[in-house]
Amino acid sequence: KEAGVIESPFVAVFSQIGIPYAADIMNFVILTALLSVANSGLYASTRMLWSLANENMISARFKKVTPKGIPLNALLASMAVSCISLISSIAAPGTVYVVLVAIAGFAGVVVWMSIALSQLLFRKHYVKNGGRVSDLTFRTPLYPLVPIAAVILCFASCVGLAFDPNQRIALFCGIPCMILCYLIRFLRKKQPKQSIRDIHLDKTMP
């Protein structure tokens, strides 16, 4: 009944039980896991900025690398945003930090929904243009039910945000941001439509 967000429920339980150093050990495990997640997130965001710059979608400054192959500008930008987010969790935990977490969660759900939708459309176009499902290295079990279920569940999660006053801001910020990104991309570089036959299809794709 005393569980909350101030400390891990595992730590609270071990503290109540009275097992010596159990709470400290659990805190160490949790902090180690958080550092691991932070490290992987920093790596992913850095490489994402580099990839976007390499595809000429954002400033070319982010695709510059050091002699050792480290995209330093992208890394510094990712670290700066991470530090600001960390400060917000201390300075404004009930306002700014909640908004940032909500937006990050919305972005994650949208990404997974787009992955499932891409997989669904890929198989459809692949077969339509003469490809054989048997040639694919990996085939999604119960296709197309699994990707359809993933799209529906992710979409339901996004709709659910509208009913949570604390998370609703993610829709107000996330949706306009997505529209703006697509608009900028459309205006900056208009590409001719390509036939699926003109695109190299990697057979290791689902």
C-alpha atoms as a PDB file:
ATOM      1  CA  LYS A   1       0.000   0.000   0.000  1.00  0.00           C
ATOM      2  CA  GLU A   2       2.996   2.284   0.435  1.00  0.00           C
ATOM      3  CA  ALA A   3       4.443   1.693  -3.015  1.00  0.00           C
ATOM      4  CA  GLY A   4       4.980   4.813  -5.086  1.00  0.00           C
ATOM      5  CA  VAL A   5       7.244   6.372  -7.671  1.00  0.00           C
ATOM      6  CA  ILE A   6       9.827   7.727  -5.248  1.00  0.00           C
ATOM      7  CA  GLU A   7      11.613   4.407  -4.914  1.00  0.00           C
ATOM      8  CA  SER A   8      11.520   1.001  -6.551  1.00  0.00           C
ATOM      9  CA  PRO A   9       8.860  -1.368  -5.131  1.00  0.00           C
ATOM     10  CA  PHE A  10      11.591  -4.017  -4.866  1.00  0.00           C
ATOM     11  CA  VAL A  11      13.650  -1.712  -2.672  1.00  0.00           C
ATOM     12  CA  ALA A  12      10.604  -0.927  -0.527  1.00  0.00           C
ATOM     13  CA  VAL A  13       9.810  -4.626  -0.062  1.00  0.00           C
ATOM     14  CA  PHE A  14      13.374  -5.570   0.881  1.00  0.00           C
ATOM     15  CA  SER A  15      13.528  -2.638   3.289  1.00  0.00           C
ATOM     16  CA  GLN A  16      10.334  -3.798   5.001  1.00  0.00           C
ATOM     17  CA  ILE A  17      11.518  -7.400   5.204  1.00  0.00           C
ATOM     18  CA  GLY A  18      14.734  -6.323   6.854  1.00  0.00           C
ATOM     19  CA  ILE A  19      17.190  -8.347   4.750  1.00  0.00           C
ATOM     20  CA  PRO A  20      20.653  -6.810   5.358  1.00  0.00           C
ATOM     21  CA  TYR A  21      21.940  -4.730   2.431  1.00  0.00           C
ATOM     22  CA  ALA A  22      19.255  -6.162   0.128  1.00  0.00           C
ATOM     23  CA  ALA A  23      17.834  -2.710  -0.616  1.00  0.00           C
ATOM     24  CA  ASP A  24      21.320  -1.328  -1.358  1.00  0.00           C
ATOM     25  CA  ILE A  25      22.106  -4.226  -3.660  1.00  0.00           C
ATOM     26  CA  MET A  26      18.808  -3.747  -5.489  1.00  0.00           C
ATOM     27  CA  ASN A  27      19.498  -0.020  -5.837  1.00  0.00           C
ATOM     28  CA  PHE A  28      22.892  -0.858  -7.341  1.00  0.00           C
ATOM     29  CA  VAL A  29      21.267  -3.243  -9.822  1.00  0.00           C
ATOM     30  CA  ILE A  30      18.651  -0.663 -10.786  1.00  0.00           C
ATOM     31  CA  LEU A  31      21.216   2.113 -11.234  1.00  0.00           C
ATOM     32  CA  THR A  32      23.381  -0.175 -13.361  1.00  0.00           C
ATOM     33  CA  ALA A  33      20.394  -1.030 -15.540  1.00  0.00           C
ATOM     34  CA  LEU A  34      19.512   2.660 -15.903  1.00  0.00           C
ATOM     35  CA  LEU A  35      23.072   3.510 -16.949  1.00  0.00           C
ATOM     36  CA  SER A  36      22.945   0.702 -19.507  1.00  0.00           C
ATOM     37  CA  VAL A  37      19.670   2.022 -20.925  1.00  0.00           C
ATOM     38  CA  ALA A  38      21.029   5.573 -20.992  1.00  0.00           C
ATOM     39  CA  ASN A  39      24.137   4.400 -22.826  1.00  0.00           C
ATOM     40  CA  SER A  40      22.160   2.487 -25.451  1.00  0.00           C
ATOM     41  CA  GLY A  41      19.765   5.423 -25.875  1.00  0.00           C
ATOM     42  CA  LEU A  42      22.658   7.833 -26.354  1.00  0.00           C
ATOM     43  CA  TYR A  43      24.236   5.523 -28.911  1.00  0.00           C
ATOM     44  CA  ALA A  44      20.946   5.114 -30.800  1.00  0.00           C
ATOM     45  CA  SER A  45      20.138   8.839 -30.872  1.00  0.00           C
ATOM     46  CA  THR A  46      23.686   9.694 -31.991  1.00  0.00           C
ATOM     47  CA  ARG A  47      23.603   7.193 -34.833  1.00  0.00           C
ATOM     48  CA  MET A  48      20.116   8.320 -35.801  1.00  0.00           C
ATOM     49  CA  LEU A  49      21.264  11.931 -36.134  1.00  0.00           C
ATOM     50  CA  TRP A  50      24.242  10.776 -38.180  1.00  0.00           C
ATOM     51  CA  SER A  51      22.014   8.674 -40.455  1.00  0.00           C
ATOM     52  CA  LEU A  52      19.591  11.560 -41.011  1.00  0.00           C
ATOM     53  CA  ALA A  53      22.479  13.858 -41.871  1.00  0.00           C
ATOM     54  CA  ASN A  54      23.996  11.231 -44.144  1.00  0.00           C
ATOM     55  CA  GLU A  55      20.672  11.067 -46.026  1.00  0.00           C
ATOM     56  CA  ASN A  56      20.646  14.893 -46.301  1.00  0.00           C
ATOM     57  CA  MET A  57      17.532  15.159 -44.138  1.00  0.00           C
ATOM     58  CA  ILE A  58      19.160  17.417 -41.535  1.00  0.00           C
ATOM     59  CA  SER A  59      22.272  19.592 -41.309  1.00  0.00           C
ATOM     60  CA  ALA A  60      25.415  18.036 -42.764  1.00  0.00           C
ATOM     61  CA  ARG A  61      27.274  19.039 -39.601  1.00  0.00           C
ATOM     62  CA  PHE A  62      25.922  15.954 -37.874  1.00  0.00           C
ATOM     63  CA  LYS A  63      27.503  13.537 -40.331  1.00  0.00           C
ATOM     64  CA  LYS A  64      31.046  14.685 -39.625  1.00  0.00           C
ATOM     65  CA  VAL A  65      33.079  12.049 -37.809  1.00  0.00           C
ATOM     66  CA  THR A  66      36.388  11.999 -35.982  1.00  0.00           C
ATOM     67  CA  PRO A  67      39.396  10.048 -37.297  1.00  0.00           C
ATOM     68  CA  LYS A  68      38.153   7.161 -35.144  1.00  0.00           C
ATOM     69  CA  GLY A  69      34.734   7.205 -36.835  1.00  0.00           C
ATOM     70  CA  ILE A  70      32.817   8.869 -33.982  1.00  0.00           C
ATOM     71  CA  PRO A  71      30.063  11.306 -35.059  1.00  0.00           C
ATOM     72  CA  LEU A  72      31.116  13.852 -32.438  1.00  0.00           C
ATOM     73  CA  ASN A  73      28.650  16.632 -33.322  1.00  0.00           C
ATOM     74  CA  ALA A  74      25.734  14.220 -33.201  1.00  0.00           C
ATOM     75  CA  LEU A  75      27.020  12.832 -29.912  1.00  0.00           C
ATOM     76  CA  LEU A  76      27.346  16.277 -28.325  1.00  0.00           C
ATOM     77  CA  ALA A  77      23.856  17.272 -29.471  1.00  0.00           C
ATOM     78  CA  SER A  78      22.390  14.061 -28.046  1.00  0.00           C
ATOM     79  CA  MET A  79      24.199  14.565 -24.755  1.00  0.00           C
ATOM     80  CA  ALA A  80      22.998  18.177 -24.528  1.00  0.00           C
ATOM     81  CA  VAL A  81      19.357  17.173 -24.934  1.00  0.00           C
ATOM     82  CA  SER A  82      19.854  14.308 -22.471  1.00  0.00           C
ATOM     83  CA  CYS A  83      21.295  16.685 -19.857  1.00  0.00           C
ATOM     84  CA  ILE A  84      18.398  19.098 -20.295  1.00  0.00           C
ATOM     85  CA  SER A  85      15.961  16.225 -19.848  1.00  0.00           C
ATOM     86  CA  LEU A  86      17.786  15.110 -16.708  1.00  0.00           C
ATOM     87  CA  ILE A  87      17.693  18.604 -15.256  1.00  0.00           C
ATOM     88  CA  SER A  88      13.961  18.838 -15.967  1.00  0.00           C
ATOM     89  CA  SER A  89      13.354  15.683 -13.905  1.00  0.00           C
ATOM     90  CA  ILE A  90      14.776  17.570 -10.911  1.00  0.00           C
ATOM     91  CA  ALA A  91      13.685  21.153 -11.582  1.00  0.00           C
ATOM     92  CA  ALA A  92      10.203  20.432 -12.961  1.00  0.00           C
ATOM     93  CA  PRO A  93       9.312  16.776 -12.313  1.00  0.00           C
ATOM     94  CA  GLY A  94       5.570  17.373 -12.405  1.00  0.00           C
ATOM     95  CA  THR A  95       5.417  19.520 -15.526  1.00  0.00           C
ATOM     96  CA  VAL A  96       8.239  19.618 -18.085  1.00  0.00           C
ATOM     97  CA  TYR A  97       9.551  16.151 -17.268  1.00  0.00           C
ATOM     98  CA  VAL A  98       6.092  14.579 -17.529  1.00  0.00           C
ATOM     99  CA  VAL A  99       5.597  16.237 -20.921  1.00  0.00           C
ATOM    100  CA  LEU A 100       8.963  14.971 -22.185  1.00  0.00           C
ATOM    101  CA  VAL A 101       8.240  11.431 -21.004  1.00  0.00           C
ATOM    102  CA  ALA A 102       4.805  11.519 -22.633  1.00  0.00           C
ATOM    103  CA  ILE A 103       6.226  12.728 -25.949  1.00  0.00           C
ATOM    104  CA  ALA A 104       9.002  10.126 -25.860  1.00  0.00           C
ATOM    105  CA  GLY A 105       6.462   7.382 -25.186  1.00  0.00           C
ATOM    106  CA  PHE A 106       4.237   8.572 -28.024  1.00  0.00           C
ATOM    107  CA  ALA A 107       7.201   8.667 -30.408  1.00  0.00           C
ATOM    108  CA  GLY A 108       8.185   5.131 -29.440  1.00  0.00           C
ATOM    109  CA  VAL A 109       4.692   3.787 -30.076  1.00  0.00           C
ATOM    110  CA  VAL A 110       4.477   5.563 -33.441  1.00  0.00           C
ATOM    111  CA  VAL A 111       7.853   4.121 -34.484  1.00  0.00           C
ATOM    112  CA  TRP A 112       6.776   0.570 -33.650  1.00  0.00           C
ATOM    113  CA  MET A 113       3.471   1.098 -35.435  1.00  0.00           C
ATOM    114  CA  SER A 114       5.320   2.291 -38.546  1.00  0.00           C
ATOM    115  CA  ILE A 115       7.625  -0.740 -38.386  1.00  0.00           C
ATOM    116  CA  ALA A 116       4.655  -3.109 -38.303  1.00  0.00           C
ATOM    117  CA  LEU A 117       2.935  -1.212 -41.112  1.00  0.00           C
ATOM    118  CA  SER A 118       6.121  -1.245 -43.212  1.00  0.00           C
ATOM    119  CA  GLN A 119       6.448  -4.989 -42.763  1.00  0.00           C
ATOM    120  CA  LEU A 120       2.834  -5.469 -43.794  1.00  0.00           C
ATOM    121  CA  LEU A 121       3.182  -3.352 -46.941  1.00  0.00           C
ATOM    122  CA  PHE A 122       6.576  -4.818 -47.842  1.00  0.00           C
ATOM    123  CA  ARG A 123       5.254  -8.392 -48.014  1.00  0.00           C
ATOM    124  CA  LYS A 124       2.248  -7.237 -50.051  1.00  0.00           C
ATOM    125  CA  HIS A 125       4.353  -5.390 -52.658  1.00  0.00           C
ATOM    126  CA  TYR A 126       7.029  -8.084 -52.680  1.00  0.00           C
ATOM    127  CA  VAL A 127       4.553 -10.792 -53.647  1.00  0.00           C
ATOM    128  CA  LYS A 128       2.649  -8.512 -56.033  1.00  0.00           C
ATOM    129  CA  ASN A 129       5.835  -7.856 -58.023  1.00  0.00           C
ATOM    130  CA  GLY A 130       6.854 -11.469 -58.452  1.00  0.00           C
ATOM    131  CA  GLY A 131       8.646 -12.174 -55.195  1.00  0.00           C
ATOM    132  CA  ARG A 132       8.207 -15.522 -53.470  1.00  0.00           C
ATOM    133  CA  VAL A 133       7.563 -15.702 -49.752  1.00  0.00           C
ATOM    134  CA  SER A 134       9.574 -18.910 -49.592  1.00  0.00           C
ATOM    135  CA  ASP A 135      12.678 -16.939 -50.639  1.00  0.00           C
ATOM    136  CA  LEU A 136      12.538 -14.733 -47.528  1.00  0.00           C
ATOM    137  CA  THR A 137      15.055 -15.665 -44.857  1.00  0.00           C
ATOM    138  CA  PHE A 138      12.595 -14.741 -42.117  1.00  0.00           C
ATOM    139  CA  ARG A 139       8.819 -14.964 -42.431  1.00  0.00           C
ATOM    140  CA  THR A 140       6.541 -13.410 -39.838  1.00  0.00           C
ATOM    141  CA  PRO A 141       4.460 -16.109 -38.108  1.00  0.00           C
ATOM    142  CA  LEU A 142       0.694 -15.849 -38.639  1.00  0.00           C
ATOM    143  CA  TYR A 143       1.115 -13.136 -41.281  1.00  0.00           C
ATOM    144  CA  PRO A 144      -0.798 -10.833 -41.744  1.00  0.00           C
ATOM    145  CA  LEU A 145      -2.476 -11.188 -38.330  1.00  0.00           C
ATOM    146  CA  VAL A 146       0.622 -10.328 -36.286  1.00  0.00           C
ATOM    147  CA  PRO A 147       1.516  -7.015 -38.025  1.00  0.00           C
ATOM    148  CA  ILE A 148      -2.155  -6.015 -38.187  1.00  0.00           C
ATOM    149  CA  ALA A 149      -2.540  -6.709 -34.461  1.00  0.00           C
ATOM    150  CA  ALA A 150       0.615  -4.687 -33.760  1.00  0.00           C
ATOM    151  CA  VAL A 151      -0.693  -1.707 -35.742  1.00  0.00           C
ATOM    152  CA  ILE A 152      -4.092  -1.832 -34.032  1.00  0.00           C
ATOM    153  CA  LEU A 153      -2.647  -2.141 -30.518  1.00  0.00           C
ATOM    154  CA  CYS A 154      -0.150   0.667 -31.075  1.00  0.00           C
ATOM    155  CA  PHE A 155      -2.889   2.872 -32.501  1.00  0.00           C
ATOM    156  CA  ALA A 156      -5.087   2.066 -29.502  1.00  0.00           C
ATOM    157  CA  SER A 157      -2.240   3.146 -27.219  1.00  0.00           C
ATOM    158  CA  CYS A 158      -2.053   6.475 -29.018  1.00  0.00           C
ATOM    159  CA  VAL A 159      -5.816   6.965 -28.753  1.00  0.00           C
ATOM    160  CA  GLY A 160      -5.609   6.115 -25.053  1.00  0.00           C
ATOM    161  CA  LEU A 161      -3.341   9.118 -24.520  1.00  0.00           C
ATOM    162  CA  ALA A 162      -6.268  11.399 -25.313  1.00  0.00           C
ATOM    163  CA  PHE A 163      -8.097  10.157 -22.205  1.00  0.00           C
ATOM    164  CA  ASP A 164      -5.186  10.799 -19.824  1.00  0.00           C
ATOM    165  CA  PRO A 165      -4.820  14.498 -18.895  1.00  0.00           C
ATOM    166  CA  ASN A 166      -1.155  14.007 -17.998  1.00  0.00           C
ATOM    167  CA  GLN A 167      -0.302  12.279 -21.288  1.00  0.00           C
ATOM    168  CA  ARG A 168      -2.585  14.214 -23.651  1.00  0.00           C
ATOM    169  CA  ILE A 169       0.117  16.788 -24.320  1.00  0.00           C
ATOM    170  CA  ALA A 170       2.008  14.100 -26.265  1.00  0.00           C
ATOM    171  CA  LEU A 171      -0.688  14.168 -28.958  1.00  0.00           C
ATOM    172  CA  PHE A 172      -0.776  17.960 -29.098  1.00  0.00           C
ATOM    173  CA  CYS A 173       2.993  18.110 -29.591  1.00  0.00           C
ATOM    174  CA  GLY A 174       3.687  14.832 -31.372  1.00  0.00           C
ATOM    175  CA  ILE A 175       1.137  14.957 -34.185  1.00  0.00           C
ATOM    176  CA  PRO A 176       1.945  18.538 -35.337  1.00  0.00           C
ATOM    177  CA  CYS A 177       5.660  17.692 -35.134  1.00  0.00           C
ATOM    178  CA  MET A 178       5.162  14.661 -37.379  1.00  0.00           C
ATOM    179  CA  ILE A 179       3.177  16.724 -39.900  1.00  0.00           C
ATOM    180  CA  LEU A 180       5.842  19.436 -39.858  1.00  0.00           C
ATOM    181  CA  CYS A 181       8.642  16.918 -40.455  1.00  0.00           C
ATOM    182  CA  TYR A 182       6.849  15.383 -43.432  1.00  0.00           C
ATOM    183  CA  LEU A 183       6.063  18.843 -44.808  1.00  0.00           C
ATOM    184  CA  ILE A 184       9.685  19.976 -44.545  1.00  0.00           C
ATOM    185  CA  ARG A 185      10.858  16.750 -46.170  1.00  0.00           C
ATOM    186  CA  PHE A 186       8.344  17.176 -49.001  1.00  0.00           C
ATOM    187  CA  LEU A 187       9.336  20.787 -49.650  1.00  0.00           C
ATOM    188  CA  ARG A 188      13.090  20.243 -49.430  1.00  0.00           C
ATOM    189  CA  LYS A 189      13.427  17.285 -51.701  1.00  0.00           C
ATOM    190  CA  LYS A 190      10.797  16.051 -54.099  1.00  0.00           C
ATOM    191  CA  GLN A 191      11.732  12.587 -55.313  1.00  0.00           C
ATOM    192  CA  PRO A 192      10.200  10.862 -58.353  1.00  0.00           C
ATOM    193  CA  LYS A 193       8.056   7.876 -57.591  1.00  0.00           C
ATOM    194  CA  GLN A 194       9.880   4.584 -57.945  1.00  0.00           C
ATOM    195  CA  SER A 195       8.489   1.259 -58.921  1.00  0.00           C
ATOM    196  CA  ILE A 196       9.067  -1.567 -56.531  1.00  0.00           C
ATOM    197  CA  ARG A 197      10.934  -3.289 -59.359  1.00  0.00           C
ATOM    198  CA  ASP A 198      13.514  -0.493 -59.356  1.00  0.00           C
ATOM    199  CA  ILE A 199      14.268  -0.887 -55.665  1.00  0.00           C
ATOM    200  CA  HIS A 200      16.692  -3.517 -54.437  1.00  0.00           C
ATOM    201  CA  LEU A 201      14.852  -5.765 -52.042  1.00  0.00           C
ATOM    202  CA  ASP A 202      16.909  -7.390 -49.324  1.00  0.00           C
ATOM    203  CA  LYS A 203      15.579 -10.916 -48.911  1.00  0.00           C
ATOM    204  CA  THR A 204      16.575 -10.904 -45.261  1.00  0.00           C
ATOM    205  CA  MET A 205      13.772  -8.435 -44.588  1.00  0.00           C
ATOM    206  CA  PRO A 206      10.597  -9.846 -43.009  1.00  0.00           C
END
